[in-house]
Amino acid sequence: MYKPILFAVILTTAACNNTCPSTLQQQTEQKAKTYFEVYSQRSDWNRFLSFYRDDIQFFDTNLRFKATGINEFKAFYNWPGPGFEKLSPSQAHLEVESLVVGDSTAVGRGHFNPFYWHGQLQEWDDGSFTIWLYFDRQGKIYRQYDFITYPAGLLTGENRE
């Protein structure tokens, strides 16, 4: 009687090894979804920062910017700064269109919604982003790569007053 049950457990385990996500992958997916939810609201700076390790390695590839450590990262992202404003408090700042997750890596792809930057409306033709997040065993981001299609005016300051 035990042999058929044991055989069924072995078959299920073997099949799951090829098709079922690992527990680590499930944790990474949940952490990434929560991260992008917090990012999309862009209202809780401390919660956003809580996703990161103090020794975060951050790269913005289009700006060719690298931050080493949480203080440099905070200075770059600077949510509390006065330049940014959503069209309305309930507006999502970004929309994730796809999320691909491995055991400890998540890649989110999507676009930014219109917003005000130093009083000027920013409506990007291609406000797309791809963000790579690398999580440690505690679920903290230790490395991040941002690939953001910035409008030229935002980069050069042409749209600023």
N, C-alpha and C. Protein backbone atom coordinates (compact mmCIF):
# COMPACT_ATOMS: atom_id res chain seq x y z
N MET A 1 0.80 -1.20 0.00
CA MET A 1 0.00 0.00 0.00
C MET A 1 0.85 1.26 0.00
N TYR A 2 1.97 1.24 0.67
CA TYR A 2 2.81 2.42 0.74
C TYR A 2 3.59 2.65 -0.56
N LYS A 3 3.87 1.57 -1.29
CA LYS A 3 4.64 1.71 -2.52
C LYS A 3 3.94 2.59 -3.56
N PRO A 4 2.63 2.45 -3.82
CA PRO A 4 1.97 3.33 -4.78
C PRO A 4 1.99 4.79 -4.34
N ILE A 5 1.83 5.04 -3.05
CA ILE A 5 1.85 6.42 -2.54
C ILE A 5 3.25 7.00 -2.68
N LEU A 6 4.26 6.22 -2.31
CA LEU A 6 5.64 6.68 -2.44
C LEU A 6 5.98 6.94 -3.90
N PHE A 7 5.55 6.05 -4.78
CA PHE A 7 5.79 6.23 -6.21
C PHE A 7 5.13 7.52 -6.71
N ALA A 8 3.91 7.80 -6.27
CA ALA A 8 3.20 9.02 -6.68
C ALA A 8 3.92 10.27 -6.18
N VAL A 9 4.43 10.23 -4.96
CA VAL A 9 5.17 11.37 -4.41
C VAL A 9 6.45 11.60 -5.21
N ILE A 10 7.15 10.54 -5.53
CA ILE A 10 8.40 10.66 -6.30
C ILE A 10 8.11 11.23 -7.68
N LEU A 11 7.07 10.74 -8.35
CA LEU A 11 6.71 11.27 -9.67
C LEU A 11 6.33 12.74 -9.60
N THR A 12 5.55 13.12 -8.61
CA THR A 12 5.15 14.52 -8.47
C THR A 12 6.36 15.40 -8.22
N THR A 13 7.26 14.96 -7.35
CA THR A 13 8.46 15.72 -7.06
C THR A 13 9.33 15.85 -8.29
N ALA A 14 9.51 14.78 -9.03
CA ALA A 14 10.33 14.82 -10.25
C ALA A 14 9.71 15.76 -11.28
N ALA A 15 8.41 15.69 -11.45
CA ALA A 15 7.75 16.57 -12.41
C ALA A 15 7.84 18.01 -11.98
N CYS A 16 7.70 18.26 -10.70
CA CYS A 16 7.74 19.62 -10.17
C CYS A 16 9.13 20.23 -10.30
N ASN A 17 10.16 19.41 -10.23
CA ASN A 17 11.51 19.94 -10.39
C ASN A 17 11.70 20.59 -11.74
N ASN A 18 10.97 20.16 -12.74
CA ASN A 18 11.10 20.73 -14.08
C ASN A 18 10.11 21.85 -14.35
N THR A 19 8.98 21.89 -13.65
CA THR A 19 7.94 22.84 -14.01
C THR A 19 7.49 23.75 -12.87
N CYS A 20 7.64 23.36 -11.63
CA CYS A 20 7.14 24.15 -10.52
C CYS A 20 8.20 25.15 -10.07
N PRO A 21 7.78 26.38 -9.75
CA PRO A 21 8.76 27.35 -9.27
C PRO A 21 9.28 26.96 -7.90
N SER A 22 10.53 27.27 -7.64
CA SER A 22 11.10 26.98 -6.33
C SER A 22 10.53 27.96 -5.31
N THR A 23 10.69 27.60 -4.05
CA THR A 23 10.25 28.49 -2.98
C THR A 23 10.99 29.81 -3.07
N LEU A 24 12.29 29.77 -3.35
CA LEU A 24 13.07 31.00 -3.50
C LEU A 24 12.53 31.84 -4.65
N GLN A 25 12.20 31.21 -5.76
CA GLN A 25 11.64 31.93 -6.90
C GLN A 25 10.29 32.56 -6.53
N GLN A 26 9.47 31.85 -5.81
CA GLN A 26 8.18 32.40 -5.38
C GLN A 26 8.37 33.59 -4.45
N GLN A 27 9.33 33.50 -3.54
CA GLN A 27 9.63 34.61 -2.64
C GLN A 27 10.14 35.82 -3.42
N THR A 28 11.00 35.56 -4.40
CA THR A 28 11.53 36.64 -5.23
C THR A 28 10.42 37.30 -6.02
N GLU A 29 9.52 36.49 -6.57
CA GLU A 29 8.41 37.06 -7.33
C GLU A 29 7.52 37.93 -6.45
N GLN A 30 7.20 37.46 -5.26
CA GLN A 30 6.35 38.24 -4.35
C GLN A 30 7.05 39.53 -3.94
N LYS A 31 8.34 39.44 -3.65
CA LYS A 31 9.11 40.63 -3.25
C LYS A 31 9.15 41.64 -4.40
N ALA A 32 9.36 41.16 -5.61
CA ALA A 32 9.43 42.05 -6.78
C ALA A 32 8.07 42.70 -7.04
N LYS A 33 7.00 41.94 -6.93
CA LYS A 33 5.66 42.51 -7.12
C LYS A 33 5.39 43.61 -6.09
N THR A 34 5.73 43.34 -4.85
CA THR A 34 5.53 44.34 -3.79
C THR A 34 6.40 45.57 -4.05
N TYR A 35 7.65 45.34 -4.46
CA TYR A 35 8.56 46.44 -4.78
C TYR A 35 7.94 47.35 -5.86
N PHE A 36 7.46 46.76 -6.94
CA PHE A 36 6.90 47.57 -8.02
C PHE A 36 5.59 48.24 -7.61
N GLU A 37 4.82 47.62 -6.72
CA GLU A 37 3.61 48.27 -6.20
C GLU A 37 3.98 49.53 -5.41
N VAL A 38 4.98 49.41 -4.54
CA VAL A 38 5.43 50.56 -3.75
C VAL A 38 6.00 51.63 -4.68
N TYR A 39 6.81 51.21 -5.65
CA TYR A 39 7.38 52.15 -6.61
C TYR A 39 6.26 52.86 -7.38
N SER A 40 5.24 52.13 -7.80
CA SER A 40 4.18 52.73 -8.61
C SER A 40 3.40 53.79 -7.84
N GLN A 41 3.29 53.63 -6.53
CA GLN A 41 2.58 54.63 -5.72
C GLN A 41 3.47 55.85 -5.42
N ARG A 42 4.74 55.61 -5.35
CA ARG A 42 5.74 56.66 -5.11
C ARG A 42 5.32 57.62 -3.99
N SER A 43 4.96 57.03 -2.87
CA SER A 43 4.52 57.85 -1.75
C SER A 43 5.20 57.49 -0.43
N ASP A 44 5.77 56.30 -0.31
CA ASP A 44 6.37 55.86 0.94
C ASP A 44 7.87 55.63 0.75
N TRP A 45 8.62 56.69 0.90
CA TRP A 45 10.07 56.68 0.69
C TRP A 45 10.76 55.66 1.59
N ASN A 46 10.41 55.64 2.87
CA ASN A 46 11.06 54.71 3.79
C ASN A 46 10.76 53.25 3.44
N ARG A 47 9.54 52.97 3.04
CA ARG A 47 9.22 51.59 2.65
C ARG A 47 9.98 51.22 1.38
N PHE A 48 10.07 52.15 0.43
CA PHE A 48 10.84 51.91 -0.79
C PHE A 48 12.29 51.59 -0.44
N LEU A 49 12.88 52.37 0.43
CA LEU A 49 14.28 52.14 0.83
C LEU A 49 14.46 50.82 1.57
N SER A 50 13.41 50.33 2.22
CA SER A 50 13.52 49.10 2.99
C SER A 50 13.77 47.87 2.11
N PHE A 51 13.58 47.99 0.82
CA PHE A 51 13.84 46.87 -0.09
C PHE A 51 15.34 46.67 -0.33
N TYR A 52 16.15 47.67 0.01
CA TYR A 52 17.57 47.67 -0.37
C TYR A 52 18.49 47.35 0.79
N ARG A 53 19.60 46.72 0.44
CA ARG A 53 20.70 46.55 1.39
C ARG A 53 21.47 47.86 1.47
N ASP A 54 22.19 48.05 2.55
CA ASP A 54 23.00 49.26 2.71
C ASP A 54 24.13 49.34 1.69
N ASP A 55 24.57 48.18 1.20
CA ASP A 55 25.68 48.16 0.24
C ASP A 55 25.19 47.98 -1.21
N ILE A 56 24.00 48.50 -1.51
CA ILE A 56 23.41 48.39 -2.85
C ILE A 56 24.39 48.86 -3.92
N GLN A 57 24.44 48.12 -5.00
CA GLN A 57 25.19 48.50 -6.20
C GLN A 57 24.14 48.85 -7.26
N PHE A 58 24.04 50.12 -7.59
CA PHE A 58 22.99 50.60 -8.48
C PHE A 58 23.61 51.19 -9.75
N PHE A 59 22.99 50.86 -10.90
CA PHE A 59 23.48 51.36 -12.18
C PHE A 59 22.30 51.88 -13.00
N ASP A 60 22.39 53.12 -13.45
CA ASP A 60 21.44 53.64 -14.43
C ASP A 60 22.22 53.68 -15.74
N THR A 61 21.91 52.75 -16.61
CA THR A 61 22.72 52.56 -17.80
C THR A 61 22.64 53.73 -18.78
N ASN A 62 21.46 54.32 -18.95
CA ASN A 62 21.33 55.42 -19.91
C ASN A 62 22.00 56.70 -19.42
N LEU A 63 21.98 56.93 -18.11
CA LEU A 63 22.66 58.10 -17.56
C LEU A 63 24.13 57.82 -17.28
N ARG A 64 24.51 56.56 -17.39
CA ARG A 64 25.88 56.13 -17.07
C ARG A 64 26.24 56.53 -15.65
N PHE A 65 25.30 56.25 -14.75
CA PHE A 65 25.46 56.60 -13.35
C PHE A 65 25.57 55.34 -12.51
N LYS A 66 26.48 55.37 -11.56
CA LYS A 66 26.66 54.24 -10.64
C LYS A 66 26.61 54.78 -9.22
N ALA A 67 25.82 54.14 -8.38
CA ALA A 67 25.77 54.46 -6.95
C ALA A 67 26.27 53.26 -6.18
N THR A 68 27.17 53.51 -5.27
CA THR A 68 27.69 52.47 -4.40
C THR A 68 27.25 52.79 -2.99
N GLY A 69 26.33 52.02 -2.49
CA GLY A 69 25.83 52.22 -1.13
C GLY A 69 24.51 52.96 -1.12
N ILE A 70 23.81 52.79 -0.02
CA ILE A 70 22.46 53.33 0.10
C ILE A 70 22.43 54.86 0.08
N ASN A 71 23.44 55.52 0.61
CA ASN A 71 23.43 56.99 0.62
C ASN A 71 23.52 57.57 -0.78
N GLU A 72 24.37 57.02 -1.62
CA GLU A 72 24.45 57.49 -3.01
C GLU A 72 23.16 57.16 -3.76
N PHE A 73 22.60 56.00 -3.48
CA PHE A 73 21.33 55.61 -4.10
C PHE A 73 20.23 56.58 -3.69
N LYS A 74 20.14 56.90 -2.39
CA LYS A 74 19.11 57.83 -1.90
C LYS A 74 19.27 59.20 -2.54
N ALA A 75 20.49 59.66 -2.70
CA ALA A 75 20.71 60.97 -3.32
C ALA A 75 20.27 60.97 -4.79
N PHE A 76 20.43 59.85 -5.47
CA PHE A 76 20.03 59.76 -6.88
C PHE A 76 18.52 59.68 -7.02
N TYR A 77 17.87 58.75 -6.33
CA TYR A 77 16.42 58.56 -6.47
C TYR A 77 15.64 59.72 -5.83
N ASN A 78 16.02 60.15 -4.66
CA ASN A 78 15.53 61.35 -4.00
C ASN A 78 14.03 61.61 -4.13
N TRP A 79 13.22 60.68 -3.75
CA TRP A 79 11.77 60.87 -3.79
C TRP A 79 11.30 62.08 -3.00
N PRO A 80 11.92 62.38 -1.85
CA PRO A 80 11.43 63.54 -1.09
C PRO A 80 11.72 64.89 -1.76
N GLY A 81 12.58 64.90 -2.78
CA GLY A 81 12.90 66.16 -3.46
C GLY A 81 11.67 66.81 -4.06
N PRO A 82 11.69 68.14 -4.25
CA PRO A 82 10.50 68.86 -4.69
C PRO A 82 10.21 68.81 -6.20
N GLY A 83 11.05 68.22 -7.01
CA GLY A 83 10.89 68.30 -8.46
C GLY A 83 9.77 67.46 -9.05
N PHE A 84 9.41 66.37 -8.39
CA PHE A 84 8.46 65.40 -8.95
C PHE A 84 7.07 65.59 -8.37
N GLU A 85 6.04 65.44 -9.25
CA GLU A 85 4.66 65.46 -8.79
C GLU A 85 3.80 64.62 -9.73
N LYS A 86 3.01 63.72 -9.16
CA LYS A 86 2.08 62.93 -9.96
C LYS A 86 0.92 63.82 -10.39
N LEU A 87 0.20 63.41 -11.43
CA LEU A 87 -0.95 64.17 -11.90
C LEU A 87 -2.05 64.20 -10.83
N SER A 88 -2.19 63.10 -10.10
CA SER A 88 -3.12 63.03 -8.97
C SER A 88 -2.53 62.08 -7.94
N PRO A 89 -2.91 62.23 -6.68
CA PRO A 89 -2.34 61.35 -5.65
C PRO A 89 -2.61 59.86 -5.89
N SER A 90 -3.73 59.54 -6.53
CA SER A 90 -4.06 58.12 -6.74
C SER A 90 -3.43 57.53 -8.00
N GLN A 91 -2.83 58.37 -8.82
CA GLN A 91 -2.24 57.89 -10.07
C GLN A 91 -1.06 56.96 -9.80
N ALA A 92 -0.98 55.89 -10.55
CA ALA A 92 0.20 55.02 -10.50
C ALA A 92 1.31 55.70 -11.30
N HIS A 93 2.49 55.77 -10.71
CA HIS A 93 3.62 56.41 -11.39
C HIS A 93 4.13 55.56 -12.54
N LEU A 94 4.03 54.25 -12.37
CA LEU A 94 4.50 53.35 -13.42
C LEU A 94 3.56 52.17 -13.54
N GLU A 95 3.62 51.53 -14.70
CA GLU A 95 2.82 50.33 -14.97
C GLU A 95 3.79 49.23 -15.38
N VAL A 96 3.73 48.11 -14.69
CA VAL A 96 4.56 46.95 -15.05
C VAL A 96 3.77 46.12 -16.04
N GLU A 97 4.35 45.91 -17.21
CA GLU A 97 3.70 45.14 -18.27
C GLU A 97 4.12 43.68 -18.26
N SER A 98 5.34 43.42 -17.80
CA SER A 98 5.80 42.04 -17.68
C SER A 98 6.81 41.94 -16.55
N LEU A 99 6.81 40.80 -15.92
CA LEU A 99 7.74 40.53 -14.83
C LEU A 99 8.25 39.11 -15.02
N VAL A 100 9.55 38.97 -15.16
CA VAL A 100 10.19 37.67 -15.33
C VAL A 100 11.05 37.44 -14.09
N VAL A 101 10.91 36.26 -13.50
CA VAL A 101 11.55 35.99 -12.21
C VAL A 101 12.32 34.69 -12.26
N GLY A 102 13.54 34.72 -11.74
CA GLY A 102 14.33 33.53 -11.51
C GLY A 102 14.42 33.30 -10.01
N ASP A 103 15.35 32.48 -9.57
CA ASP A 103 15.47 32.20 -8.14
C ASP A 103 15.75 33.45 -7.31
N SER A 104 16.62 34.32 -7.78
CA SER A 104 16.95 35.51 -6.99
C SER A 104 17.03 36.77 -7.83
N THR A 105 16.52 36.71 -9.05
CA THR A 105 16.55 37.85 -9.96
C THR A 105 15.15 38.10 -10.51
N ALA A 106 14.79 39.38 -10.61
CA ALA A 106 13.52 39.76 -11.21
C ALA A 106 13.77 40.88 -12.22
N VAL A 107 13.08 40.79 -13.35
CA VAL A 107 13.20 41.81 -14.39
C VAL A 107 11.80 42.33 -14.68
N GLY A 108 11.60 43.61 -14.39
CA GLY A 108 10.32 44.25 -14.66
C GLY A 108 10.43 45.15 -15.87
N ARG A 109 9.43 45.06 -16.73
CA ARG A 109 9.40 45.89 -17.94
C ARG A 109 8.06 46.59 -17.97
N GLY A 110 8.06 47.88 -18.30
CA GLY A 110 6.81 48.63 -18.35
C GLY A 110 7.03 50.05 -18.83
N HIS A 111 6.17 50.95 -18.36
CA HIS A 111 6.28 52.35 -18.77
C HIS A 111 5.87 53.27 -17.61
N PHE A 112 6.35 54.49 -17.69
CA PHE A 112 5.99 55.53 -16.73
C PHE A 112 4.77 56.28 -17.23
N ASN A 113 3.89 56.64 -16.32
CA ASN A 113 2.74 57.47 -16.65
C ASN A 113 3.16 58.94 -16.62
N PRO A 114 2.39 59.83 -17.25
CA PRO A 114 2.74 61.25 -17.23
C PRO A 114 2.87 61.78 -15.79
N PHE A 115 3.74 62.75 -15.62
CA PHE A 115 3.97 63.37 -14.31
C PHE A 115 4.52 64.77 -14.54
N TYR A 116 4.56 65.55 -13.47
CA TYR A 116 5.17 66.88 -13.53
C TYR A 116 6.59 66.79 -13.00
N TRP A 117 7.50 67.43 -13.70
CA TRP A 117 8.89 67.52 -13.26
C TRP A 117 9.24 69.00 -13.25
N HIS A 118 9.47 69.55 -12.07
CA HIS A 118 9.73 70.98 -11.89
C HIS A 118 8.65 71.82 -12.58
N GLY A 119 7.40 71.39 -12.40
CA GLY A 119 6.26 72.14 -12.91
C GLY A 119 5.91 71.89 -14.36
N GLN A 120 6.72 71.14 -15.07
CA GLN A 120 6.48 70.87 -16.49
C GLN A 120 5.93 69.45 -16.67
N LEU A 121 4.84 69.35 -17.41
CA LEU A 121 4.24 68.05 -17.67
C LEU A 121 5.19 67.20 -18.51
N GLN A 122 5.41 65.97 -18.07
CA GLN A 122 6.26 65.03 -18.80
C GLN A 122 5.37 63.91 -19.34
N GLU A 123 5.14 63.93 -20.62
CA GLU A 123 4.39 62.87 -21.30
C GLU A 123 5.33 62.27 -22.33
N TRP A 124 5.91 61.16 -21.99
CA TRP A 124 6.92 60.56 -22.83
C TRP A 124 6.28 59.77 -23.95
N ASP A 125 6.84 59.91 -25.14
CA ASP A 125 6.41 59.05 -26.24
C ASP A 125 6.73 57.60 -25.92
N ASP A 126 7.92 57.40 -25.37
CA ASP A 126 8.34 56.05 -24.98
C ASP A 126 8.92 56.13 -23.58
N GLY A 127 8.06 56.19 -22.59
CA GLY A 127 8.51 56.24 -21.21
C GLY A 127 8.75 54.86 -20.66
N SER A 128 9.44 54.05 -21.44
CA SER A 128 9.59 52.65 -21.05
C SER A 128 10.76 52.46 -20.09
N PHE A 129 10.68 51.37 -19.35
CA PHE A 129 11.77 50.99 -18.46
C PHE A 129 11.91 49.48 -18.45
N THR A 130 13.12 49.06 -18.16
CA THR A 130 13.42 47.68 -17.80
C THR A 130 14.31 47.78 -16.57
N ILE A 131 13.89 47.16 -15.50
CA ILE A 131 14.63 47.23 -14.24
C ILE A 131 14.97 45.80 -13.81
N TRP A 132 16.27 45.57 -13.64
CA TRP A 132 16.77 44.28 -13.17
C TRP A 132 17.03 44.41 -11.68
N LEU A 133 16.47 43.51 -10.89
CA LEU A 133 16.65 43.48 -9.45
C LEU A 133 17.30 42.16 -9.04
N TYR A 134 18.34 42.24 -8.24
CA TYR A 134 19.03 41.05 -7.73
C TYR A 134 18.83 41.01 -6.22
N PHE A 135 18.21 39.93 -5.75
CA PHE A 135 17.88 39.78 -4.34
C PHE A 135 18.83 38.82 -3.64
N ASP A 136 19.15 39.14 -2.37
CA ASP A 136 19.94 38.21 -1.57
C ASP A 136 18.99 37.23 -0.88
N ARG A 137 19.52 36.34 -0.06
CA ARG A 137 18.71 35.30 0.61
C ARG A 137 17.70 35.88 1.61
N GLN A 138 17.95 37.11 2.06
CA GLN A 138 17.02 37.76 2.98
C GLN A 138 15.95 38.57 2.24
N GLY A 139 15.98 38.54 0.91
CA GLY A 139 14.99 39.26 0.12
C GLY A 139 15.29 40.73 -0.07
N LYS A 140 16.53 41.14 0.17
CA LYS A 140 16.94 42.54 -0.01
C LYS A 140 17.65 42.68 -1.36
N ILE A 141 17.44 43.81 -1.99
CA ILE A 141 18.08 44.09 -3.28
C ILE A 141 19.52 44.51 -3.02
N TYR A 142 20.46 43.80 -3.64
CA TYR A 142 21.87 44.14 -3.49
C TYR A 142 22.46 44.71 -4.78
N ARG A 143 21.76 44.52 -5.90
CA ARG A 143 22.22 45.08 -7.18
C ARG A 143 20.99 45.41 -8.01
N GLN A 144 21.06 46.55 -8.72
CA GLN A 144 19.95 46.96 -9.58
C GLN A 144 20.50 47.66 -10.81
N TYR A 145 19.90 47.31 -11.95
CA TYR A 145 20.20 47.97 -13.21
C TYR A 145 18.91 48.60 -13.74
N ASP A 146 18.94 49.90 -13.97
CA ASP A 146 17.81 50.61 -14.57
C ASP A 146 18.14 50.89 -16.03
N PHE A 147 17.24 50.51 -16.91
CA PHE A 147 17.31 50.85 -18.32
C PHE A 147 16.04 51.66 -18.59
N ILE A 148 16.16 52.99 -18.57
CA ILE A 148 15.00 53.87 -18.69
C ILE A 148 15.17 54.72 -19.93
N THR A 149 14.11 54.79 -20.73
CA THR A 149 14.12 55.63 -21.93
C THR A 149 13.69 57.02 -21.51
N TYR A 150 14.66 57.85 -21.14
CA TYR A 150 14.37 59.22 -20.72
C TYR A 150 14.15 60.12 -21.93
N PRO A 151 13.22 61.08 -21.84
CA PRO A 151 13.11 62.06 -22.91
C PRO A 151 14.31 63.01 -22.86
N ALA A 152 14.75 63.47 -24.01
CA ALA A 152 15.94 64.33 -24.08
C ALA A 152 15.77 65.58 -23.23
N GLY A 153 14.58 66.17 -23.22
CA GLY A 153 14.35 67.39 -22.45
C GLY A 153 14.52 67.19 -20.97
N LEU A 154 14.17 66.05 -20.47
CA LEU A 154 14.32 65.76 -19.05
C LEU A 154 15.80 65.61 -18.71
N LEU A 155 16.55 65.03 -19.61
CA LEU A 155 17.99 64.83 -19.37
C LEU A 155 18.78 66.12 -19.47
N THR A 156 18.41 66.97 -20.42
CA THR A 156 19.20 68.19 -20.66
C THR A 156 18.69 69.37 -19.86
N GLY A 157 17.52 69.24 -19.25
CA GLY A 157 16.96 70.35 -18.51
C GLY A 157 16.17 71.32 -19.37
N GLU A 158 15.97 71.00 -20.64
CA GLU A 158 15.24 71.90 -21.54
C GLU A 158 13.81 72.14 -21.10
N ASN A 159 13.22 71.19 -20.41
CA ASN A 159 11.83 71.32 -19.99
C ASN A 159 11.70 71.97 -18.62
N ARG A 160 12.79 72.33 -18.02
CA ARG A 160 12.74 72.96 -16.69
C ARG A 160 12.58 74.46 -16.84
N GLU A 161 11.93 75.05 -15.86
CA GLU A 161 11.75 76.51 -15.87
C GLU A 161 13.01 77.19 -15.40
